[in-house]
Amino acid sequence: MDTAQYVGEIRSQLSDGDVYERLQVNPTQVYKLELDNMIDEALHDGLIDTKLAKYLKVDHPVVPVLYTLPKIHKDLQRPPGRPIVLGRGSLCNKVAIFLDRLLRKFATSAPSYVRDTSDFIRSLEGVQSKMQFLDTCVYKSDGLLHTDLFVKHTDRNNLLHFSSEHPRRMVESLPWSQLLRVRRIVSNDTLVDKRLDEMCLKFLARGYPGTDLAGFKARALSKERVELLGPRVRALTDKRIPFITAYNSLSNQISGVIRRHWPLLSLGHANIQEFQLPPLLSYRRNRNLKDELVVSDIGSSKRELQTTFGRPSLGNFPCLNCACCNNMVKGASFYHPHTGRKYEIRKRYTCKTSFAVYVLSCPCGLYYVGATTMEVRARISKHKSTIRTRRVELPVPRHFHDMGHSVNQLRYRIIDDVPVLRRGGDRVSFLKKKELKWIFELDTLSPRGMNIEYQQSIFL
């Protein structure tokens, strides 16, 4: 599906006046005021506590995005779209999470609630026709109802490849879980062996060892289907501290380091119960190729108004109207202070740029990475003032004083910025994250640079 077809499908759905209404202005701030008043009233009436009230309020809400997932099982050429609203970071995101947890116990106790495939199969008594539900097909044969594995005709073999860089436990346990799923769903004893062989062939095509698959199949057949359909009793988990990271090639080494040195905490703080057991190591999915190539927000159709003739030049350019122009390093690229790697500056910046990440440099070749929400020339003026007044408690003036540099030797360039967020959000937070990214990228922490500290908590 190309972009034009995708946008056309969304516009076609949005043109339905019975479902959607076009707004002339963004009402987010009006709704935010109303929601904050409701939360304050609930806090005043004792319905919620201060901690929950703080959680429910969103200081910098973003506008949700509507995107669609193409239903290729209905039409491969022009698939209709299933509309989904991406509301992460929006005004009602946290309220929705709170209400979901609050109402879950009532929803799960309703007679119409179906928990999963096993629950569905247990509730089939009295059904008289063929139907599909999730991965299950129900059909009637010889006067009895049977269940079989349901696979859409558009499905492809997308099972995780055996050579994937996912956690090995996950890769190695995948065939067992899938074969067990087949054993649980297929009720016909003659058909189940065929379905298990079909699943094994899929795994063979994805590089899984045949001997392992044969063992998993034999184990699955040895299981009683009635037992598999019974309610699953979840084991009580111990109160271990969760350690959650994005999985990567170094995760196993990080896990080993934590487990090897955990006794330092458990023995050194014997009175803290949470330190007596090693943490629960959990992983979230890292960014993959799909995340890089596919985005739910395709951006605005509006283009920025060009104010110059021809193609504008990129890089740093003095405004020629301030006392900081002489300190700016002009050009469209810069180099890593230690490795010599070249970085291209992909925008046009002047002394008047705001919400920018900048780099200070001295005759020694050391860098200092900073960020400012004000115009860069105002921030550079403050740096020059602290150098003149010898504010040695600050990192840049201290270095200039210790090394005997003068304020005239200070140089700066702008390397990144945060433009106005089209959908709203915390622009300052984005700026701080970019600043930390460049501190890490350029390795500017002392003694290899002039930065002395940075807060990683901005990413938590």
Protein backbone atom coordinates (compact mmCIF):
# COMPACT_ATOMS: atom_id res chain seq x y z
CA MET A 1 0.00 0.00 0.00
CA ASP A 2 1.54 3.33 -1.05
CA THR A 3 1.20 6.61 0.84
CA ALA A 4 -1.45 8.08 -1.46
CA GLN A 5 -3.69 5.03 -1.07
CA TYR A 6 -3.15 4.99 2.71
CA VAL A 7 -3.99 8.70 3.09
CA GLY A 8 -7.00 8.28 0.81
CA GLU A 9 -8.39 5.50 3.00
CA ILE A 10 -8.04 7.62 6.15
CA ARG A 11 -9.65 10.65 4.48
CA SER A 12 -12.49 8.48 3.27
CA GLN A 13 -13.19 7.34 6.83
CA LEU A 14 -12.86 10.84 8.28
CA SER A 15 -15.34 12.19 5.73
CA ASP A 16 -18.12 10.19 7.41
CA GLY A 17 -20.03 13.00 9.13
CA ASP A 18 -22.03 10.55 11.26
CA VAL A 19 -18.84 9.43 13.03
CA TYR A 20 -16.38 12.33 12.83
CA GLU A 21 -16.71 16.10 13.16
CA ARG A 22 -14.13 18.54 11.81
CA LEU A 23 -12.93 21.04 14.45
CA GLN A 24 -11.81 24.54 13.58
CA VAL A 25 -9.45 24.89 16.57
CA ASN A 26 -7.48 22.56 18.82
CA PRO A 27 -9.56 22.14 22.03
CA THR A 28 -6.83 20.35 24.03
CA GLN A 29 -6.13 23.20 26.44
CA VAL A 30 -9.85 23.75 27.12
CA TYR A 31 -10.32 20.05 27.88
CA LYS A 32 -7.16 20.05 29.99
CA LEU A 33 -8.55 22.81 32.20
CA GLU A 34 -11.84 20.92 32.63
CA LEU A 35 -10.10 17.63 33.40
CA ASP A 36 -7.70 19.24 35.89
CA ASN A 37 -10.70 20.83 37.68
CA MET A 38 -12.39 17.42 37.90
CA ILE A 39 -9.24 15.84 39.32
CA ASP A 40 -8.87 18.66 41.86
CA GLU A 41 -12.51 18.20 42.93
CA ALA A 42 -12.00 14.44 43.35
CA LEU A 43 -8.91 15.15 45.44
CA HIS A 44 -10.78 17.68 47.57
CA ASP A 45 -13.66 15.23 48.14
CA GLY A 46 -11.26 12.47 49.21
CA LEU A 47 -12.04 10.19 46.26
CA ILE A 48 -8.36 10.05 45.23
CA ASP A 49 -5.10 10.83 47.00
CA THR A 50 -2.42 13.37 46.09
CA LYS A 51 -0.19 10.79 44.41
CA LEU A 52 -2.98 9.61 42.09
CA ALA A 53 -4.04 13.18 41.30
CA LYS A 54 -0.48 14.04 40.28
CA TYR A 55 -0.33 10.94 38.09
CA LEU A 56 -3.61 11.70 36.30
CA LYS A 57 -2.62 15.23 35.31
CA VAL A 58 -0.72 15.64 32.05
CA ASP A 59 1.33 18.83 31.94
CA HIS A 60 2.16 18.72 28.23
CA PRO A 61 -0.48 16.66 26.39
CA VAL A 62 0.01 15.73 22.76
CA VAL A 63 -2.73 15.51 20.14
CA PRO A 64 -3.60 11.84 19.40
CA VAL A 65 -2.96 10.41 15.94
CA LEU A 66 -5.43 8.38 13.89
CA TYR A 67 -3.87 5.64 11.79
CA THR A 68 -5.16 2.45 10.17
CA LEU A 69 -4.06 -1.15 9.86
CA PRO A 70 -4.85 -2.57 6.41
CA LYS A 71 -7.19 -5.60 6.49
CA ILE A 72 -5.37 -7.59 3.82
CA HIS A 73 -7.47 -10.69 4.58
CA LYS A 74 -10.45 -8.84 3.03
CA ASP A 75 -8.81 -7.31 -0.05
CA LEU A 76 -5.17 -7.62 -1.07
CA GLN A 77 -5.37 -4.87 -3.71
CA ARG A 78 -7.30 -2.16 -1.83
CA PRO A 79 -7.56 -3.34 1.76
CA PRO A 80 -9.91 -1.39 4.05
CA GLY A 81 -8.28 0.12 7.13
CA ARG A 82 -8.97 -0.68 10.75
CA PRO A 83 -8.86 2.74 12.49
CA ILE A 84 -6.73 3.02 15.62
CA VAL A 85 -6.15 6.13 17.73
CA LEU A 86 -2.62 6.44 19.10
CA GLY A 87 -3.20 8.26 22.37
CA ARG A 88 0.12 7.74 24.14
CA GLY A 89 1.00 10.99 25.89
CA SER A 90 -2.42 12.49 25.20
CA LEU A 91 -4.65 14.26 27.69
CA CYS A 92 -6.78 11.22 28.58
CA ASN A 93 -4.05 8.56 28.35
CA LYS A 94 -3.43 8.19 32.08
CA VAL A 95 -7.12 8.55 32.95
CA ALA A 96 -7.90 5.70 30.54
CA ILE A 97 -5.24 3.49 32.19
CA PHE A 98 -6.68 4.24 35.62
CA LEU A 99 -10.27 3.52 34.53
CA ASP A 100 -9.21 0.31 32.77
CA ARG A 101 -7.66 -1.02 35.98
CA LEU A 102 -10.62 0.15 38.02
CA LEU A 103 -13.28 -1.44 35.78
CA ARG A 104 -11.40 -4.61 34.84
CA LYS A 105 -12.83 -6.70 37.69
CA PHE A 106 -16.37 -5.78 36.63
CA ALA A 107 -15.75 -6.47 32.93
CA THR A 108 -14.18 -9.88 33.58
CA SER A 109 -17.15 -10.96 35.71
CA ALA A 110 -19.72 -10.22 32.98
CA PRO A 111 -21.45 -13.29 31.42
CA SER A 112 -20.35 -12.19 27.93
CA TYR A 113 -16.65 -12.00 28.85
CA VAL A 114 -14.34 -14.44 27.01
CA ARG A 115 -10.84 -14.54 28.42
CA ASP A 116 -8.94 -16.57 25.83
CA THR A 117 -9.18 -19.51 23.42
CA SER A 118 -9.43 -22.08 26.22
CA ASP A 119 -12.25 -20.15 27.84
CA PHE A 120 -14.00 -19.96 24.47
CA ILE A 121 -13.75 -23.70 23.87
CA ARG A 122 -15.12 -24.46 27.36
CA SER A 123 -18.18 -22.31 26.61
CA LEU A 124 -19.11 -23.98 23.31
CA GLU A 125 -21.93 -26.10 24.72
CA GLY A 126 -25.13 -25.37 22.83
CA VAL A 127 -23.50 -23.85 19.73
CA GLN A 128 -25.09 -25.29 16.57
CA SER A 129 -23.28 -23.65 13.63
CA LYS A 130 -19.79 -23.16 12.22
CA MET A 131 -17.92 -20.11 13.43
CA GLN A 132 -14.44 -18.65 13.96
CA PHE A 133 -13.01 -16.97 17.03
CA LEU A 134 -9.42 -15.74 17.16
CA ASP A 135 -7.31 -18.77 16.17
CA THR A 136 -10.15 -21.32 16.56
CA CYS A 137 -12.62 -22.71 14.01
CA VAL A 138 -15.73 -24.45 15.37
CA TYR A 139 -17.52 -26.91 13.09
CA LYS A 140 -20.12 -29.66 13.35
CA SER A 141 -19.30 -33.26 12.37
CA ASP A 142 -21.27 -36.46 13.06
CA GLY A 143 -23.65 -34.54 15.25
CA LEU A 144 -20.83 -33.25 17.47
CA LEU A 145 -19.05 -29.93 17.73
CA HIS A 146 -15.32 -29.95 17.04
CA THR A 147 -12.63 -27.30 17.14
CA ASP A 148 -9.75 -26.88 14.71
CA LEU A 149 -6.93 -24.41 14.18
CA PHE A 150 -8.15 -21.41 12.17
CA VAL A 151 -5.64 -19.84 9.76
CA LYS A 152 -6.51 -16.99 7.41
CA HIS A 153 -5.72 -17.55 3.74
CA THR A 154 -3.50 -14.46 3.75
CA ASP A 155 -1.35 -15.66 6.66
CA ARG A 156 2.33 -16.25 5.98
CA ASN A 157 5.03 -18.10 7.89
CA ASN A 158 6.18 -15.23 10.10
CA LEU A 159 7.41 -17.36 13.00
CA LEU A 160 10.53 -16.07 14.72
CA HIS A 161 13.65 -17.33 12.94
CA PHE A 162 15.92 -19.61 14.94
CA SER A 163 18.90 -17.31 14.31
CA SER A 164 17.04 -14.26 15.63
CA GLU A 165 18.75 -12.06 18.21
CA HIS A 166 15.79 -12.37 20.57
CA PRO A 167 16.42 -13.85 24.05
CA ARG A 168 17.45 -17.48 23.58
CA ARG A 169 14.93 -18.75 26.11
CA MET A 170 12.18 -17.14 24.10
CA VAL A 171 13.41 -18.60 20.80
CA GLU A 172 13.92 -22.10 22.20
CA SER A 173 10.56 -22.23 23.97
CA LEU A 174 8.52 -20.92 21.02
CA PRO A 175 8.00 -24.32 19.28
CA TRP A 176 6.80 -25.89 22.52
CA SER A 177 4.27 -23.15 23.20
CA GLN A 178 2.92 -23.25 19.62
CA LEU A 179 2.64 -27.05 19.48
CA LEU A 180 0.92 -26.99 22.84
CA ARG A 181 -1.52 -24.43 21.43
CA VAL A 182 -2.33 -26.80 18.54
CA ARG A 183 -2.86 -29.69 20.96
CA ARG A 184 -5.21 -27.59 23.04
CA ILE A 185 -7.32 -26.30 20.15
CA VAL A 186 -7.69 -29.33 17.83
CA SER A 187 -10.30 -31.66 19.29
CA ASN A 188 -10.17 -34.43 16.64
CA ASP A 189 -7.55 -37.01 17.65
CA THR A 190 -6.94 -37.96 14.01
CA LEU A 191 -6.56 -34.38 12.83
CA VAL A 192 -4.32 -33.21 15.66
CA ASP A 193 -1.34 -35.23 14.42
CA LYS A 194 -1.65 -33.60 10.98
CA ARG A 195 -1.87 -30.10 12.47
CA LEU A 196 1.18 -30.74 14.65
CA ASP A 197 3.17 -31.89 11.60
CA GLU A 198 2.12 -28.74 9.72
CA MET A 199 3.33 -26.58 12.60
CA CYS A 200 6.64 -28.49 12.74
CA LEU A 201 7.16 -27.88 9.02
CA LYS A 202 6.71 -24.16 9.59
CA PHE A 203 9.39 -24.21 12.27
CA LEU A 204 11.71 -26.31 10.09
CA ALA A 205 11.41 -23.65 7.39
CA ARG A 206 12.52 -21.08 9.96
CA GLY A 207 15.71 -22.98 10.84
CA TYR A 208 14.66 -24.87 13.99
CA PRO A 209 16.36 -28.27 14.60
CA GLY A 210 14.20 -31.21 13.56
CA THR A 211 15.22 -33.35 16.56
CA ASP A 212 13.99 -30.67 18.98
CA LEU A 213 10.69 -30.37 17.10
CA ALA A 214 10.13 -34.14 17.23
CA GLY A 215 10.65 -34.09 20.98
CA PHE A 216 8.28 -31.18 21.44
CA LYS A 217 5.64 -32.92 19.33
CA ALA A 218 5.86 -36.12 21.37
CA ARG A 219 5.53 -34.11 24.60
CA ALA A 220 2.51 -32.25 23.23
CA LEU A 221 0.76 -35.49 22.25
CA SER A 222 1.39 -36.91 25.72
CA LYS A 223 -0.61 -34.08 27.28
CA GLU A 224 -4.28 -34.63 28.01
CA ARG A 225 -6.37 -32.05 26.19
CA VAL A 226 -8.80 -31.77 29.09
CA GLU A 227 -5.92 -30.77 31.32
CA LEU A 228 -4.75 -28.12 28.85
CA LEU A 229 -8.25 -26.62 28.67
CA GLY A 230 -8.49 -26.22 32.42
CA PRO A 231 -8.06 -22.80 34.01
CA ARG A 232 -4.43 -21.87 34.37
CA VAL A 233 -3.31 -21.23 37.91
CA ARG A 234 -0.64 -18.57 37.95
CA ALA A 235 2.15 -19.15 40.42
CA LEU A 236 2.63 -16.48 43.03
CA THR A 237 5.66 -14.42 42.10
CA ASP A 238 8.09 -13.39 44.77
CA LYS A 239 8.52 -9.72 45.50
CA ARG A 240 11.70 -9.26 43.54
CA ILE A 241 12.77 -5.89 42.18
CA PRO A 242 12.03 -5.75 38.42
CA PHE A 243 14.98 -4.73 36.25
CA ILE A 244 13.54 -3.80 32.85
CA THR A 245 15.71 -2.97 29.85
CA ALA A 246 15.44 -3.11 26.07
CA TYR A 247 16.95 -6.41 24.92
CA ASN A 248 20.19 -6.24 22.91
CA SER A 249 23.33 -8.28 22.26
CA LEU A 250 24.84 -7.22 25.61
CA SER A 251 21.82 -8.14 27.76
CA ASN A 252 23.23 -11.52 28.81
CA GLN A 253 26.48 -9.90 29.91
CA ILE A 254 24.59 -7.22 31.85
CA SER A 255 22.54 -9.94 33.51
CA GLY A 256 25.71 -11.79 34.53
CA VAL A 257 27.26 -8.64 36.02
CA ILE A 258 24.14 -7.91 38.08
CA ARG A 259 23.85 -11.45 39.43
CA ARG A 260 27.57 -11.68 40.16
CA HIS A 261 27.67 -8.50 42.23
CA TRP A 262 24.20 -8.66 43.78
CA PRO A 263 25.58 -10.17 47.05
CA LEU A 264 27.21 -6.79 47.70
CA LEU A 265 23.71 -5.37 48.21
CA SER A 266 22.14 -8.37 49.92
CA LEU A 267 24.97 -8.72 52.46
CA GLY A 268 25.62 -5.02 52.90
CA HIS A 269 21.94 -4.22 53.47
CA ALA A 270 20.61 -7.29 55.22
CA ASN A 271 17.78 -5.25 56.76
CA ILE A 272 16.28 -4.43 53.34
CA GLN A 273 14.04 -7.32 52.33
CA GLU A 274 13.97 -6.41 48.62
CA PHE A 275 17.76 -6.84 48.35
CA GLN A 276 17.81 -10.41 49.64
CA LEU A 277 16.79 -11.90 46.28
CA PRO A 278 18.32 -11.03 42.90
CA PRO A 279 16.19 -8.77 40.67
CA LEU A 280 13.65 -10.05 38.18
CA LEU A 281 15.33 -9.44 34.82
CA SER A 282 12.74 -8.47 32.21
CA TYR A 283 13.15 -7.23 28.67
CA ARG A 284 11.07 -5.02 26.44
CA ARG A 285 11.37 -5.14 22.68
CA ASN A 286 14.05 -2.96 21.16
CA ARG A 287 13.47 -0.90 18.02
CA ASN A 288 13.49 -2.98 14.87
CA LEU A 289 13.48 -2.34 11.13
CA LYS A 290 9.70 -1.93 11.10
CA ASP A 291 9.92 0.85 13.70
CA GLU A 292 12.50 2.65 11.56
CA LEU A 293 10.55 2.36 8.30
CA VAL A 294 6.91 2.60 9.42
CA VAL A 295 5.44 5.42 11.49
CA SER A 296 1.87 5.98 12.65
CA ASP A 297 2.21 9.76 12.22
CA ILE A 298 3.14 10.46 8.58
CA GLY A 299 3.49 14.17 9.31
CA SER A 300 1.71 17.25 8.12
CA SER A 301 0.82 17.85 4.48
CA LYS A 302 1.80 21.50 4.96
CA ARG A 303 5.28 22.54 3.89
CA GLU A 304 7.41 25.21 5.55
CA LEU A 305 7.42 28.53 3.73
CA GLN A 306 10.81 29.16 2.12
CA THR A 307 12.06 32.68 2.79
CA THR A 308 15.23 32.60 0.65
CA PHE A 309 15.95 32.43 -3.08
CA GLY A 310 17.29 29.08 -4.15
CA ARG A 311 18.20 26.24 -1.83
CA PRO A 312 19.10 27.55 1.66
CA SER A 313 22.59 26.81 2.95
CA LEU A 314 22.90 24.56 5.99
CA GLY A 315 25.14 25.03 9.00
CA ASN A 316 25.97 27.91 11.36
CA PHE A 317 25.70 31.53 10.24
CA PRO A 318 26.19 34.63 12.40
CA CYS A 319 23.30 37.06 12.59
CA LEU A 320 25.78 39.97 12.16
CA ASN A 321 23.89 41.91 14.81
CA CYS A 322 25.20 40.74 18.20
CA ALA A 323 28.34 40.51 20.32
CA CYS A 324 28.47 36.72 19.94
CA CYS A 325 28.87 36.56 16.17
CA ASN A 326 32.67 36.60 16.43
CA ASN A 327 32.59 33.53 18.67
CA MET A 328 30.51 31.41 16.28
CA VAL A 329 32.25 28.75 14.19
CA LYS A 330 30.72 28.94 10.73
CA GLY A 331 30.27 25.84 8.59
CA ALA A 332 28.02 22.87 7.91
CA SER A 333 30.03 20.19 9.72
CA PHE A 334 32.15 19.51 12.79
CA TYR A 335 34.39 16.71 14.09
CA HIS A 336 34.39 14.46 17.12
CA PRO A 337 36.97 15.79 19.61
CA HIS A 338 38.55 12.36 20.18
CA THR A 339 37.83 10.09 17.20
CA GLY A 340 37.82 12.67 14.43
CA ARG A 341 34.48 11.45 13.09
CA LYS A 342 32.74 14.02 10.90
CA TYR A 343 29.17 15.15 11.65
CA GLU A 344 27.00 17.04 9.19
CA ILE A 345 24.74 19.84 10.46
CA ARG A 346 21.44 19.29 8.68
CA LYS A 347 19.72 22.61 9.36
CA ARG A 348 20.44 26.30 9.13
CA TYR A 349 21.17 27.94 12.49
CA THR A 350 21.94 31.53 13.52
CA CYS A 351 22.67 33.32 16.80
CA LYS A 352 18.90 33.85 17.13
CA THR A 353 18.03 30.13 17.13
CA SER A 354 16.22 28.94 20.26
CA PHE A 355 15.55 25.49 21.79
CA ALA A 356 18.97 24.46 20.54
CA VAL A 357 21.83 22.15 21.49
CA TYR A 358 25.22 23.85 21.16
CA VAL A 359 28.89 22.95 21.58
CA LEU A 360 31.48 25.18 23.24
CA SER A 361 35.15 24.63 22.46
CA CYS A 362 38.42 26.02 23.78
CA PRO A 363 42.02 26.13 22.45
CA CYS A 364 42.68 22.78 24.20
CA GLY A 365 40.19 21.09 21.89
CA LEU A 366 37.81 20.10 24.69
CA TYR A 367 34.06 20.34 24.14
CA TYR A 368 31.16 21.36 26.33
CA VAL A 369 27.65 20.35 25.23
CA GLY A 370 24.82 22.59 26.41
CA ALA A 371 21.19 23.30 25.62
CA THR A 372 19.04 26.40 25.93
CA THR A 373 15.43 27.38 25.40
CA MET A 374 16.34 31.05 24.88
CA GLU A 375 18.11 32.50 21.87
CA VAL A 376 21.60 31.03 21.65
CA ARG A 377 23.26 34.44 21.64
CA ALA A 378 21.72 35.20 25.06
CA ARG A 379 23.05 31.91 26.45
CA ILE A 380 26.52 32.46 25.00
CA SER A 381 26.56 35.95 26.54
CA LYS A 382 25.99 34.34 29.94
CA HIS A 383 28.84 31.91 29.34
CA LYS A 384 31.14 34.81 28.44
CA SER A 385 30.03 36.71 31.53
CA THR A 386 30.81 33.77 33.86
CA ILE A 387 34.27 33.47 32.28
CA ARG A 388 34.99 37.17 32.81
CA THR A 389 33.79 37.10 36.41
CA ARG A 390 35.68 33.83 37.08
CA ARG A 391 32.70 31.82 38.33
CA VAL A 392 34.97 28.83 38.95
CA GLU A 393 32.20 26.80 40.56
CA LEU A 394 30.91 26.33 37.01
CA PRO A 395 32.69 23.91 34.65
CA VAL A 396 33.41 26.19 31.65
CA PRO A 397 34.78 29.22 33.63
CA ARG A 398 36.82 26.85 35.80
CA HIS A 399 38.50 25.27 32.79
CA PHE A 400 39.18 28.64 31.13
CA HIS A 401 40.65 29.98 34.41
CA ASP A 402 42.80 26.89 35.10
CA MET A 403 44.19 26.76 31.55
CA GLY A 404 44.68 30.52 31.20
CA HIS A 405 42.28 30.95 28.26
CA SER A 406 40.65 34.28 27.54
CA VAL A 407 36.97 34.87 26.80
CA ASN A 408 37.90 35.84 23.23
CA GLN A 409 39.08 32.27 22.65
CA LEU A 410 35.62 30.82 23.34
CA ARG A 411 34.05 29.26 20.26
CA TYR A 412 30.60 27.77 19.76
CA ARG A 413 28.45 26.11 17.15
CA ILE A 414 24.83 24.94 17.12
CA ILE A 415 24.49 21.26 16.26
CA ASP A 416 20.84 20.37 16.91
CA ASP A 417 17.48 21.80 17.92
CA VAL A 418 13.89 20.92 18.84
CA PRO A 419 11.38 22.61 16.52
CA VAL A 420 7.87 23.51 17.61
CA LEU A 421 6.06 20.22 18.25
CA ARG A 422 3.21 19.94 15.77
CA ARG A 423 1.09 17.79 18.07
CA GLY A 424 2.16 19.45 21.30
CA GLY A 425 4.13 17.88 24.13
CA ASP A 426 7.01 18.72 26.45
CA ARG A 427 9.48 20.53 24.21
CA VAL A 428 11.90 21.15 27.09
CA SER A 429 12.05 17.42 27.86
CA PHE A 430 12.87 16.64 24.23
CA LEU A 431 15.62 19.27 24.35
CA LYS A 432 17.19 17.76 27.49
CA LYS A 433 17.16 14.31 25.91
CA LYS A 434 18.96 15.63 22.83
CA GLU A 435 21.51 17.36 25.05
CA LEU A 436 22.26 14.10 26.89
CA LYS A 437 22.45 12.24 23.61
CA TRP A 438 25.16 14.58 22.34
CA ILE A 439 27.07 14.52 25.65
CA PHE A 440 27.25 10.76 25.31
CA GLU A 441 27.91 10.82 21.55
CA LEU A 442 30.77 13.34 21.76
CA ASP A 443 32.15 11.93 25.04
CA THR A 444 32.35 15.34 26.72
CA LEU A 445 32.20 14.30 30.38
CA SER A 446 35.23 15.40 32.41
CA PRO A 447 38.14 14.74 32.03
CA ARG A 448 37.53 14.13 28.30
CA GLY A 449 35.39 17.23 28.07
CA MET A 450 34.07 20.15 30.10
CA ASN A 451 30.72 18.61 31.12
CA ILE A 452 30.79 17.44 34.72
CA GLU A 453 27.42 15.73 35.12
CA TYR A 454 24.17 14.82 33.42
CA GLN A 455 20.89 13.35 34.63
CA GLN A 456 19.84 10.06 33.09
CA SER A 457 16.51 10.23 34.96
CA ILE A 458 15.07 12.26 32.07
CA PHE A 459 14.80 8.96 30.14
CA LEU A 460 12.92 7.12 32.92
